[in-house]
Amino acid sequence: MGVISLGGGNSFGDEMRMVFSETGLLSKSPDFEYRAEQQQMAGEVAEALQGERSLVVEAGTGVGKSLAYLIPAVEYAIREGKKAVISTHTINLQEQLIGKDLPIVRKLLADPFEAALLKGRGNYLCPMRLRRAMDNGGDLFTSSEQEELMEIWKWAESTRDGTKSDLDFEPSLKVWLQVCSESHICTQRTCGPRGNCFFQEARKFAQSARVLVVNHSLFFSLLNPEEEMLENESGFLVPNDFVIFDEAHTLEGVAAKSLGLRLSQAGLRFDLQRLYHPKTGKGLLKYAQASEAMDCAKKVLDEADEFFENIGLAVSFGDWGRECRVRQPELVENTLAGPLRECWTAIEEVAEETEDDTHKGELMEGARRLREMHGGLKMFLDQEDGGSVYWVEKSGYEGTSFTLNAAPVNVADRLRPLLFGPDKTCITTSATLGTGDDQLSYFRERIGAQHVPAVKIGSP
């Protein structure tokens, strides 16, 4: 048990209000300034946690809401043997929580605890893939890309956490995606036993830490059962956890993107050119000397340009618009379906004949991405999900690159069982959640939290 202790039959909420009082435990911190609003929020959060129920809290600017939820959350997690998952929208707040606020909490509590900041796996270097890229750089990269790869190799010898943000330069997307962790390639079986996999180490630490800090996008991706980052049998990300969403005003938008569909012309071209780039003659298929599969990849590249050109002709953006709603199915003929199928079939045949497990995994991942694109195109053109809205977005200097999008019309129906089920404790907070409504009804309806109690706390 921490320095904070139950006494005199006080509830956990009363206990937290005492901690945040003018003479409470927190008052001994050098920068402490008593704020009744912060004290109120801490009590509300503590009571929700103790009652294992969800809560919506709007706390105005200057309340000091991060400590108001962190102290009760960490203390409760320690006492009850639970994991506190804290999700934010911005990197700045994540860094504040890890670098400033959680150290304050750590000093306040007697029991030690670990706090982990977990990033998406694509942020972590994979040493196994890096070695593979170095061995086969001539077939995969141009000379300038090989120079960049060498810089990453040198950095890998000294980096502590292996994350891209630790690099002193911004690597090109092509090079980084060839050496970063990927879910279907970097598994516990292939990378874990070596003991030098940055992602697997981060994953283990995240599983053991009492407090886990993530961003909203990662949180929703971890709810995907295909992702192996965390093992979940009950709860949100791991068994017996609870979640606090800070900057929750962004939750609906992030969830819509995570639960929706986004297929870009540029993304498809990039995936194909990783397999084989006709102009440079580089790629995974070049290394495998798979001429038939290379021809298939080139065919899909050509067909994709024509397909997306037809998309651009079929919609009307107006003079200045960048988005166009698609209200009817079969916007254009799906001329990519056949070439995509031929391509992934050819790649899978090459992979089956490949003895090297790592290269086999790279090829199978490339084929999987093409299958995924095939399924996404069918969903978009057939408008299979009647509960979604569909639109085309153009980008690039001349607006000649297109992206196909779909998102659920009613995010609330998707979020309600995910976040606010009967056995879940989910606390959402932000400085701006309402539109003048003390019950925060509009926000609650938009995220599926109509039945969740709401508290509106003003600024000091």
Protein backbone atom coordinates (compact mmCIF):
# COMPACT_ATOMS: atom_id res chain seq x y z
CA MET A 1 0.00 0.00 0.00
CA GLY A 2 1.21 3.49 -0.79
CA VAL A 3 1.83 6.46 1.46
CA ILE A 4 -1.86 7.22 0.91
CA SER A 5 -3.85 5.01 3.26
CA LEU A 6 -7.46 4.42 4.07
CA GLY A 7 -8.36 5.61 7.52
CA GLY A 8 -11.42 6.19 9.66
CA GLY A 9 -13.64 4.34 7.21
CA ASN A 10 -13.13 6.97 4.51
CA SER A 11 -14.07 6.06 0.97
CA PHE A 12 -11.41 6.10 -1.74
CA GLY A 13 -13.01 9.28 -3.08
CA ASP A 14 -12.75 11.00 0.31
CA GLU A 15 -9.19 9.81 0.62
CA MET A 16 -8.24 11.39 -2.69
CA ARG A 17 -9.96 14.63 -1.75
CA MET A 18 -7.80 14.67 1.38
CA VAL A 19 -4.65 14.13 -0.71
CA PHE A 20 -5.51 17.18 -2.84
CA SER A 21 -6.59 19.35 0.11
CA GLU A 22 -4.72 22.47 1.25
CA THR A 23 -2.87 20.46 3.90
CA GLY A 24 -2.90 17.09 2.16
CA LEU A 25 -0.06 14.90 1.02
CA LEU A 26 0.27 16.66 -2.33
CA SER A 27 0.71 20.02 -0.60
CA LYS A 28 4.25 18.97 0.28
CA SER A 29 5.23 19.09 -3.42
CA PRO A 30 7.22 22.27 -4.24
CA ASP A 31 4.92 23.48 -7.03
CA PHE A 32 1.63 22.55 -5.38
CA GLU A 33 -1.18 25.07 -5.55
CA TYR A 34 -4.50 24.13 -3.99
CA ARG A 35 -7.31 24.03 -6.54
CA ALA A 36 -10.79 23.02 -5.44
CA GLU A 37 -11.56 21.94 -8.99
CA GLN A 38 -8.59 19.55 -9.06
CA GLN A 39 -9.63 18.16 -5.69
CA GLN A 40 -13.17 17.61 -6.97
CA MET A 41 -11.99 15.81 -10.09
CA ALA A 42 -9.65 13.52 -8.14
CA GLY A 43 -12.54 12.53 -5.89
CA GLU A 44 -14.87 11.85 -8.81
CA VAL A 45 -12.27 9.72 -10.61
CA ALA A 46 -11.49 7.77 -7.44
CA GLU A 47 -15.16 7.01 -6.80
CA ALA A 48 -15.65 5.84 -10.39
CA LEU A 49 -12.64 3.53 -10.13
CA GLN A 50 -13.69 2.11 -6.79
CA GLY A 51 -17.19 1.52 -8.14
CA GLU A 52 -15.78 -0.03 -11.33
CA ARG A 53 -17.90 2.28 -13.47
CA SER A 54 -17.24 4.66 -16.32
CA LEU A 55 -17.21 8.46 -16.12
CA VAL A 56 -17.11 11.50 -18.41
CA VAL A 57 -15.31 14.55 -16.98
CA GLU A 58 -14.91 17.97 -18.53
CA ALA A 59 -12.23 19.84 -16.57
CA GLY A 60 -11.49 23.39 -17.65
CA THR A 61 -8.08 24.83 -18.41
CA GLY A 62 -5.88 25.15 -15.34
CA VAL A 63 -7.54 22.41 -13.29
CA GLY A 64 -4.45 20.21 -13.41
CA LYS A 65 -6.41 17.23 -14.60
CA SER A 66 -3.47 14.92 -15.36
CA LEU A 67 -2.51 14.62 -11.68
CA ALA A 68 -6.19 14.57 -10.75
CA TYR A 69 -6.63 11.29 -12.61
CA LEU A 70 -3.08 9.87 -12.35
CA ILE A 71 -2.80 9.77 -8.56
CA PRO A 72 -6.10 7.92 -7.96
CA ALA A 73 -5.53 5.73 -11.03
CA VAL A 74 -2.06 4.56 -10.02
CA GLU A 75 -2.97 4.09 -6.37
CA TYR A 76 -6.06 2.11 -7.31
CA ALA A 77 -4.11 0.00 -9.81
CA ILE A 78 -1.49 -0.86 -7.18
CA ARG A 79 -4.03 -1.78 -4.51
CA GLU A 80 -6.25 -3.86 -6.74
CA GLY A 81 -3.56 -5.43 -8.93
CA LYS A 82 -4.92 -3.81 -12.07
CA LYS A 83 -3.28 -2.07 -15.02
CA ALA A 84 -3.97 1.61 -15.68
CA VAL A 85 -4.03 2.41 -19.41
CA ILE A 86 -3.69 6.14 -20.13
CA SER A 87 -4.44 7.17 -23.70
CA THR A 88 -3.71 10.63 -25.13
CA HIS A 89 -3.95 12.23 -28.56
CA THR A 90 -0.70 14.23 -28.65
CA ILE A 91 2.94 13.30 -28.20
CA ASN A 92 3.44 16.39 -26.03
CA LEU A 93 1.01 15.13 -23.40
CA GLN A 94 2.54 11.66 -23.48
CA GLU A 95 5.95 13.15 -22.81
CA GLN A 96 4.52 15.29 -20.01
CA LEU A 97 2.94 12.26 -18.35
CA ILE A 98 6.08 10.13 -18.56
CA GLY A 99 8.66 12.84 -17.90
CA LYS A 100 6.92 15.12 -15.40
CA ASP A 101 3.65 13.91 -13.90
CA LEU A 102 4.33 10.22 -13.24
CA PRO A 103 7.63 10.98 -11.45
CA ILE A 104 5.60 13.18 -9.06
CA VAL A 105 3.19 10.30 -8.47
CA ARG A 106 6.11 7.93 -7.95
CA LYS A 107 7.53 10.14 -5.18
CA LEU A 108 4.12 10.34 -3.53
CA LEU A 109 3.47 6.61 -3.31
CA ALA A 110 5.41 4.21 -1.11
CA ASP A 111 4.98 1.23 -3.42
CA PRO A 112 7.18 1.37 -6.53
CA PHE A 113 5.57 0.97 -9.92
CA GLU A 114 6.68 0.86 -13.54
CA ALA A 115 5.22 3.08 -16.24
CA ALA A 116 5.69 2.26 -19.92
CA LEU A 117 5.23 4.45 -22.97
CA LEU A 118 4.28 2.13 -25.81
CA LYS A 119 4.44 3.23 -29.44
CA GLY A 120 3.10 1.56 -32.56
CA ARG A 121 5.31 -1.31 -33.68
CA GLY A 122 6.26 0.53 -36.88
CA ASN A 123 8.24 2.97 -34.71
CA TYR A 124 10.65 0.22 -33.58
CA LEU A 125 13.71 -1.00 -35.44
CA CYS A 126 13.83 -4.75 -36.09
CA PRO A 127 17.48 -5.94 -35.85
CA MET A 128 16.66 -9.10 -37.80
CA ARG A 129 15.16 -7.14 -40.73
CA LEU A 130 18.02 -4.65 -40.57
CA ARG A 131 20.59 -7.44 -40.94
CA ARG A 132 18.59 -8.85 -43.81
CA ALA A 133 18.42 -5.46 -45.52
CA MET A 134 22.17 -4.98 -45.11
CA ASP A 135 22.90 -8.40 -46.61
CA ASN A 136 20.67 -7.79 -49.62
CA GLY A 137 20.93 -4.02 -49.99
CA GLY A 138 22.09 -4.20 -53.60
CA ASP A 139 18.83 -5.85 -54.67
CA LEU A 140 16.59 -3.71 -52.47
CA PHE A 141 17.97 -0.17 -52.50
CA THR A 142 19.58 2.48 -54.67
CA SER A 143 23.06 3.72 -53.73
CA SER A 144 21.71 6.73 -51.80
CA GLU A 145 19.28 4.49 -49.93
CA GLN A 146 22.13 2.13 -49.05
CA GLU A 147 24.01 5.07 -47.52
CA GLU A 148 20.97 5.83 -45.39
CA LEU A 149 20.76 2.18 -44.40
CA MET A 150 24.37 2.32 -43.23
CA GLU A 151 23.56 5.29 -40.99
CA ILE A 152 20.72 3.31 -39.42
CA TRP A 153 23.12 0.38 -38.91
CA LYS A 154 25.57 2.62 -37.03
CA TRP A 155 22.76 4.10 -34.94
CA ALA A 156 21.45 0.62 -34.09
CA GLU A 157 24.68 -0.18 -32.25
CA SER A 158 24.09 2.53 -29.66
CA THR A 159 20.34 3.19 -29.46
CA ARG A 160 18.65 2.28 -26.20
CA ASP A 161 15.03 1.87 -27.25
CA GLY A 162 15.36 1.42 -31.01
CA THR A 163 12.58 3.87 -31.86
CA LYS A 164 12.66 6.11 -34.90
CA SER A 165 12.35 9.24 -32.74
CA ASP A 166 15.79 8.39 -31.30
CA LEU A 167 17.39 8.80 -34.74
CA ASP A 168 19.15 12.10 -35.40
CA PHE A 169 17.75 12.23 -38.95
CA GLU A 170 14.43 11.42 -40.60
CA PRO A 171 14.82 8.22 -42.62
CA SER A 172 13.06 7.81 -45.94
CA LEU A 173 9.83 5.88 -45.72
CA LYS A 174 11.04 3.17 -48.10
CA VAL A 175 14.19 2.40 -46.11
CA TRP A 176 12.55 2.56 -42.69
CA LEU A 177 9.66 0.29 -43.69
CA GLN A 178 12.19 -2.31 -44.76
CA VAL A 179 13.85 -2.40 -41.32
CA CYS A 180 11.06 -1.62 -38.83
CA SER A 181 8.96 -4.13 -36.93
CA GLU A 182 5.99 -5.57 -38.84
CA SER A 183 3.23 -7.62 -37.22
CA HIS A 184 3.27 -10.57 -39.62
CA ILE A 185 7.07 -10.75 -39.87
CA CYS A 186 8.39 -9.84 -36.41
CA THR A 187 6.70 -12.33 -34.11
CA GLN A 188 7.60 -13.73 -30.70
CA ARG A 189 8.74 -16.91 -32.45
CA THR A 190 10.98 -15.23 -35.03
CA CYS A 191 12.29 -12.24 -33.07
CA GLY A 192 11.57 -12.88 -29.39
CA PRO A 193 14.06 -15.70 -28.65
CA ARG A 194 17.04 -13.59 -29.77
CA GLY A 195 16.59 -11.19 -26.86
CA ASN A 196 17.65 -8.14 -28.87
CA CYS A 197 14.33 -7.20 -30.46
CA PHE A 198 13.38 -3.67 -29.44
CA PHE A 199 9.70 -4.20 -30.09
CA GLN A 200 9.45 -7.50 -28.22
CA GLU A 201 11.28 -5.95 -25.26
CA ALA A 202 8.91 -2.96 -25.29
CA ARG A 203 5.98 -5.34 -25.51
CA LYS A 204 7.17 -7.36 -22.49
CA PHE A 205 7.71 -4.18 -20.48
CA ALA A 206 4.26 -2.91 -21.46
CA GLN A 207 2.71 -6.16 -20.25
CA SER A 208 4.45 -6.00 -16.88
CA ALA A 209 4.14 -2.25 -16.22
CA ARG A 210 1.47 -1.06 -13.81
CA VAL A 211 0.81 2.04 -15.94
CA LEU A 212 0.73 2.00 -19.73
CA VAL A 213 0.71 5.22 -21.77
CA VAL A 214 -0.42 5.01 -25.42
CA ASN A 215 -2.05 7.27 -27.98
CA HIS A 216 -5.64 6.93 -29.18
CA SER A 217 -4.70 5.52 -32.59
CA LEU A 218 -2.54 2.80 -31.05
CA PHE A 219 -5.23 1.99 -28.49
CA PHE A 220 -7.75 1.22 -31.22
CA SER A 221 -5.24 -0.73 -33.28
CA LEU A 222 -4.51 -2.88 -30.22
CA LEU A 223 -8.19 -3.78 -30.03
CA ASN A 224 -7.64 -5.55 -33.37
CA PRO A 225 -7.37 -9.28 -32.62
CA GLU A 226 -4.75 -9.71 -35.39
CA GLU A 227 -2.30 -7.50 -33.52
CA GLU A 228 0.03 -9.39 -31.17
CA MET A 229 1.28 -6.48 -29.12
CA LEU A 230 -0.72 -7.33 -26.04
CA GLU A 231 -2.65 -10.43 -25.06
CA ASN A 232 -6.22 -9.70 -24.06
CA GLU A 233 -8.73 -12.16 -22.69
CA SER A 234 -10.93 -9.64 -20.90
CA GLY A 235 -10.78 -5.91 -20.30
CA PHE A 236 -9.47 -3.56 -22.96
CA LEU A 237 -5.86 -4.32 -23.90
CA VAL A 238 -4.99 -6.82 -21.17
CA PRO A 239 -7.04 -8.69 -18.60
CA ASN A 240 -8.12 -6.68 -15.58
CA ASP A 241 -7.27 -3.21 -16.90
CA PHE A 242 -9.09 0.12 -16.99
CA VAL A 243 -8.59 3.04 -19.35
CA ILE A 244 -8.48 6.82 -19.00
CA PHE A 245 -8.73 8.83 -22.22
CA ASP A 246 -7.25 12.32 -21.93
CA GLU A 247 -7.80 14.77 -24.80
CA ALA A 248 -11.02 12.80 -25.28
CA HIS A 249 -12.53 15.46 -27.54
CA THR A 250 -10.55 13.81 -30.37
CA LEU A 251 -11.81 10.32 -29.59
CA GLU A 252 -14.68 10.20 -32.09
CA GLY A 253 -12.50 11.32 -35.01
CA VAL A 254 -9.67 8.93 -34.22
CA ALA A 255 -12.09 6.05 -33.73
CA ALA A 256 -13.82 6.76 -37.06
CA LYS A 257 -10.49 6.52 -38.88
CA SER A 258 -9.42 3.41 -36.98
CA LEU A 259 -12.73 1.63 -37.56
CA GLY A 260 -13.01 2.75 -41.17
CA LEU A 261 -11.24 2.19 -44.48
CA ARG A 262 -8.50 4.16 -46.22
CA LEU A 263 -6.96 2.94 -49.49
CA SER A 264 -4.56 5.29 -51.22
CA GLN A 265 -3.16 5.21 -54.72
CA ALA A 266 0.21 6.23 -53.29
CA GLY A 267 0.08 3.45 -50.70
CA LEU A 268 -0.62 0.77 -53.29
CA ARG A 269 2.17 2.07 -55.52
CA PHE A 270 4.55 2.09 -52.56
CA ASP A 271 3.71 -1.50 -51.58
CA LEU A 272 4.18 -2.69 -55.16
CA GLN A 273 7.48 -0.88 -55.59
CA ARG A 274 8.79 -2.50 -52.42
CA LEU A 275 8.19 -5.79 -54.21
CA TYR A 276 9.59 -4.59 -57.52
CA HIS A 277 10.40 -1.12 -58.85
CA PRO A 278 10.56 -1.23 -62.68
CA LYS A 279 12.64 1.94 -62.99
CA THR A 280 15.34 1.05 -60.46
CA GLY A 281 15.14 -2.73 -60.90
CA LYS A 282 15.15 -3.13 -57.09
CA GLY A 283 12.86 -4.98 -54.72
CA LEU A 284 12.12 -8.20 -52.86
CA LEU A 285 11.17 -10.01 -56.06
CA LYS A 286 14.40 -8.93 -57.72
CA TYR A 287 16.34 -10.57 -54.90
CA ALA A 288 14.30 -13.74 -55.42
CA GLN A 289 14.95 -13.61 -59.19
CA ALA A 290 11.20 -14.10 -59.68
CA SER A 291 10.68 -12.78 -63.20
CA GLU A 292 7.04 -13.88 -63.52
CA ALA A 293 6.08 -12.23 -60.24
CA MET A 294 7.99 -9.09 -61.25
CA ASP A 295 5.95 -8.92 -64.45
CA CYS A 296 2.76 -9.26 -62.39
CA ALA A 297 3.81 -6.43 -60.09
CA LYS A 298 4.55 -4.19 -63.07
CA LYS A 299 1.15 -5.02 -64.56
CA VAL A 300 -0.64 -4.04 -61.33
CA LEU A 301 1.30 -0.76 -61.23
CA ASP A 302 0.13 0.08 -64.75
CA GLU A 303 -3.45 -1.04 -64.08
CA ALA A 304 -3.54 0.95 -60.82
CA ASP A 305 -2.67 4.19 -62.60
CA GLU A 306 -5.53 3.64 -65.06
CA PHE A 307 -7.96 2.58 -62.32
CA PHE A 308 -7.36 5.65 -60.18
CA GLU A 309 -7.46 7.88 -63.26
CA ASN A 310 -10.97 6.51 -63.86
CA ILE A 311 -11.83 7.26 -60.24
CA GLY A 312 -10.81 10.88 -60.78
CA LEU A 313 -12.99 11.12 -63.89
CA ALA A 314 -16.01 9.59 -62.15
CA VAL A 315 -16.24 12.11 -59.31
CA SER A 316 -16.63 15.87 -59.15
CA PHE A 317 -14.66 17.85 -56.57
CA GLY A 318 -15.78 21.31 -57.64
CA ASP A 319 -13.36 24.20 -58.09
CA TRP A 320 -11.63 24.03 -54.72
CA GLY A 321 -12.84 20.82 -53.10
CA ARG A 322 -10.56 17.99 -52.04
CA GLU A 323 -13.26 15.46 -51.13
CA CYS A 324 -16.26 14.04 -52.95
CA ARG A 325 -18.99 11.90 -51.39
CA VAL A 326 -19.80 8.64 -53.20
CA ARG A 327 -23.45 7.74 -52.69
CA GLN A 328 -23.91 4.80 -55.07
CA PRO A 329 -21.99 1.52 -55.46
CA GLU A 330 -19.97 0.58 -58.55
CA LEU A 331 -18.42 4.01 -59.03
CA VAL A 332 -16.07 2.46 -61.61
CA GLU A 333 -15.36 -1.04 -62.86
CA ASN A 334 -13.02 -2.98 -60.57
CA THR A 335 -10.28 -3.55 -63.15
CA LEU A 336 -7.71 -4.14 -60.39
CA ALA A 337 -9.31 -7.26 -58.92
CA GLY A 338 -7.85 -9.72 -61.43
CA PRO A 339 -4.31 -8.29 -61.63
CA LEU A 340 -4.09 -8.07 -57.84
CA ARG A 341 -5.14 -11.72 -57.48
CA GLU A 342 -2.63 -12.84 -60.10
CA CYS A 343 0.11 -10.87 -58.39
CA TRP A 344 -0.38 -12.16 -54.85
CA THR A 345 -0.76 -15.72 -56.17
CA ALA A 346 2.57 -15.44 -58.00
CA ILE A 347 4.25 -13.96 -54.91
CA GLU A 348 2.92 -16.73 -52.68
CA GLU A 349 4.29 -19.34 -55.10
CA VAL A 350 7.72 -17.69 -54.92
CA ALA A 351 7.48 -17.59 -51.12
CA GLU A 352 6.65 -21.31 -50.95
CA GLU A 353 9.85 -22.11 -52.84
CA THR A 354 11.96 -19.80 -50.65
CA GLU A 355 13.96 -21.64 -47.99
CA ASP A 356 14.97 -18.56 -46.02
CA ASP A 357 12.26 -17.97 -43.38
CA THR A 358 12.89 -14.24 -43.15
CA HIS A 359 12.64 -13.66 -46.89
CA LYS A 360 9.61 -15.95 -47.03
CA GLY A 361 7.97 -13.79 -44.36
CA GLU A 362 8.72 -10.58 -46.28
CA LEU A 363 7.14 -12.00 -49.44
CA MET A 364 4.08 -13.32 -47.62
CA GLU A 365 3.60 -9.91 -46.00
CA GLY A 366 3.72 -8.31 -49.45
CA ALA A 367 1.10 -10.76 -50.71
CA ARG A 368 -1.07 -10.13 -47.63
CA ARG A 369 -1.06 -6.39 -48.30
CA LEU A 370 -2.27 -6.98 -51.87
CA ARG A 371 -5.03 -9.26 -50.56
CA GLU A 372 -6.00 -6.53 -48.12
CA MET A 373 -6.12 -3.95 -50.92
CA HIS A 374 -8.26 -6.33 -52.99
CA GLY A 375 -10.75 -6.73 -50.14
CA GLY A 376 -10.81 -3.00 -49.44
CA LEU A 377 -11.49 -2.12 -53.08
CA LYS A 378 -14.39 -4.56 -53.17
CA MET A 379 -15.83 -3.13 -49.96
CA PHE A 380 -15.58 0.43 -51.30
CA LEU A 381 -16.97 -0.22 -54.77
CA ASP A 382 -19.77 -2.52 -53.56
CA GLN A 383 -20.49 -0.29 -50.53
CA GLU A 384 -20.93 -3.48 -48.53
CA ASP A 385 -21.37 -1.74 -45.18
CA GLY A 386 -24.66 0.15 -45.23
CA GLY A 387 -23.72 1.84 -41.98
CA SER A 388 -20.73 3.64 -43.49
CA VAL A 389 -20.22 6.80 -45.51
CA TYR A 390 -17.93 6.64 -48.57
CA TRP A 391 -15.86 9.35 -50.20
CA VAL A 392 -12.91 10.01 -52.50
CA GLU A 393 -10.13 12.37 -51.50
CA LYS A 394 -7.56 13.89 -53.83
CA SER A 395 -4.05 14.98 -52.87
CA GLY A 396 -0.78 16.05 -54.40
CA TYR A 397 0.20 19.39 -55.91
CA GLU A 398 -2.07 18.95 -58.92
CA GLY A 399 -4.64 16.78 -57.16
CA THR A 400 -3.78 13.74 -59.26
CA SER A 401 -3.45 11.16 -56.48
CA PHE A 402 -6.60 9.67 -54.99
CA THR A 403 -7.60 7.94 -51.77
CA LEU A 404 -10.75 5.87 -51.20
CA ASN A 405 -12.30 6.29 -47.75
CA ALA A 406 -15.09 4.79 -45.70
CA ALA A 407 -16.06 5.45 -42.09
CA PRO A 408 -18.98 4.42 -39.89
CA VAL A 409 -21.79 6.97 -39.86
CA ASN A 410 -22.52 6.21 -36.24
CA VAL A 411 -19.26 5.72 -34.36
CA ALA A 412 -21.21 5.52 -31.11
CA ASP A 413 -22.71 2.13 -31.97
CA ARG A 414 -19.21 0.73 -32.51
CA LEU A 415 -17.67 2.35 -29.44
CA ARG A 416 -20.40 1.48 -26.95
CA PRO A 417 -19.55 -2.23 -26.63
CA LEU A 418 -15.82 -1.61 -27.02
CA LEU A 419 -15.47 1.05 -24.32
CA PHE A 420 -18.57 1.16 -22.16
CA GLY A 421 -19.65 -2.44 -21.73
CA PRO A 422 -20.99 -3.64 -18.36
CA ASP A 423 -17.64 -5.05 -17.20
CA LYS A 424 -15.49 -2.12 -18.32
CA THR A 425 -14.21 0.99 -16.55
CA CYS A 426 -13.54 3.83 -18.98
CA ILE A 427 -12.94 7.44 -17.94
CA THR A 428 -12.91 10.16 -20.60
CA THR A 429 -11.70 13.68 -19.91
CA SER A 430 -10.76 16.87 -21.70
CA ALA A 431 -10.90 20.62 -21.23
CA THR A 432 -13.60 20.93 -23.91
CA LEU A 433 -16.26 18.25 -24.22
CA GLY A 434 -19.58 20.10 -23.99
CA THR A 435 -21.48 22.78 -25.88
CA GLY A 436 -22.92 24.57 -22.89
CA ASP A 437 -24.67 21.44 -21.65
CA ASP A 438 -23.76 20.51 -18.08
CA GLN A 439 -24.58 16.87 -18.78
CA LEU A 440 -22.24 16.81 -21.82
CA SER A 441 -25.05 15.03 -23.66
CA TYR A 442 -23.82 15.70 -27.20
CA PHE A 443 -20.33 14.32 -26.54
CA ARG A 444 -21.68 11.30 -24.70
CA GLU A 445 -24.07 10.47 -27.54
CA ARG A 446 -21.29 10.77 -30.14
CA ILE A 447 -19.08 8.19 -28.39
CA GLY A 448 -21.78 5.79 -27.18
CA ALA A 449 -21.64 6.87 -23.53
CA GLN A 450 -25.26 7.98 -23.08
CA HIS A 451 -25.63 5.91 -19.92
CA VAL A 452 -22.32 7.09 -18.41
CA PRO A 453 -22.45 9.73 -15.63
CA ALA A 454 -20.96 13.12 -16.52
CA VAL A 455 -19.29 15.82 -14.44
CA LYS A 456 -18.50 19.32 -15.66
CA ILE A 457 -15.80 21.16 -13.69
CA GLY A 458 -14.96 24.78 -14.45
CA SER A 459 -11.56 26.47 -14.53
CA PRO A 460 -10.03 27.81 -11.29
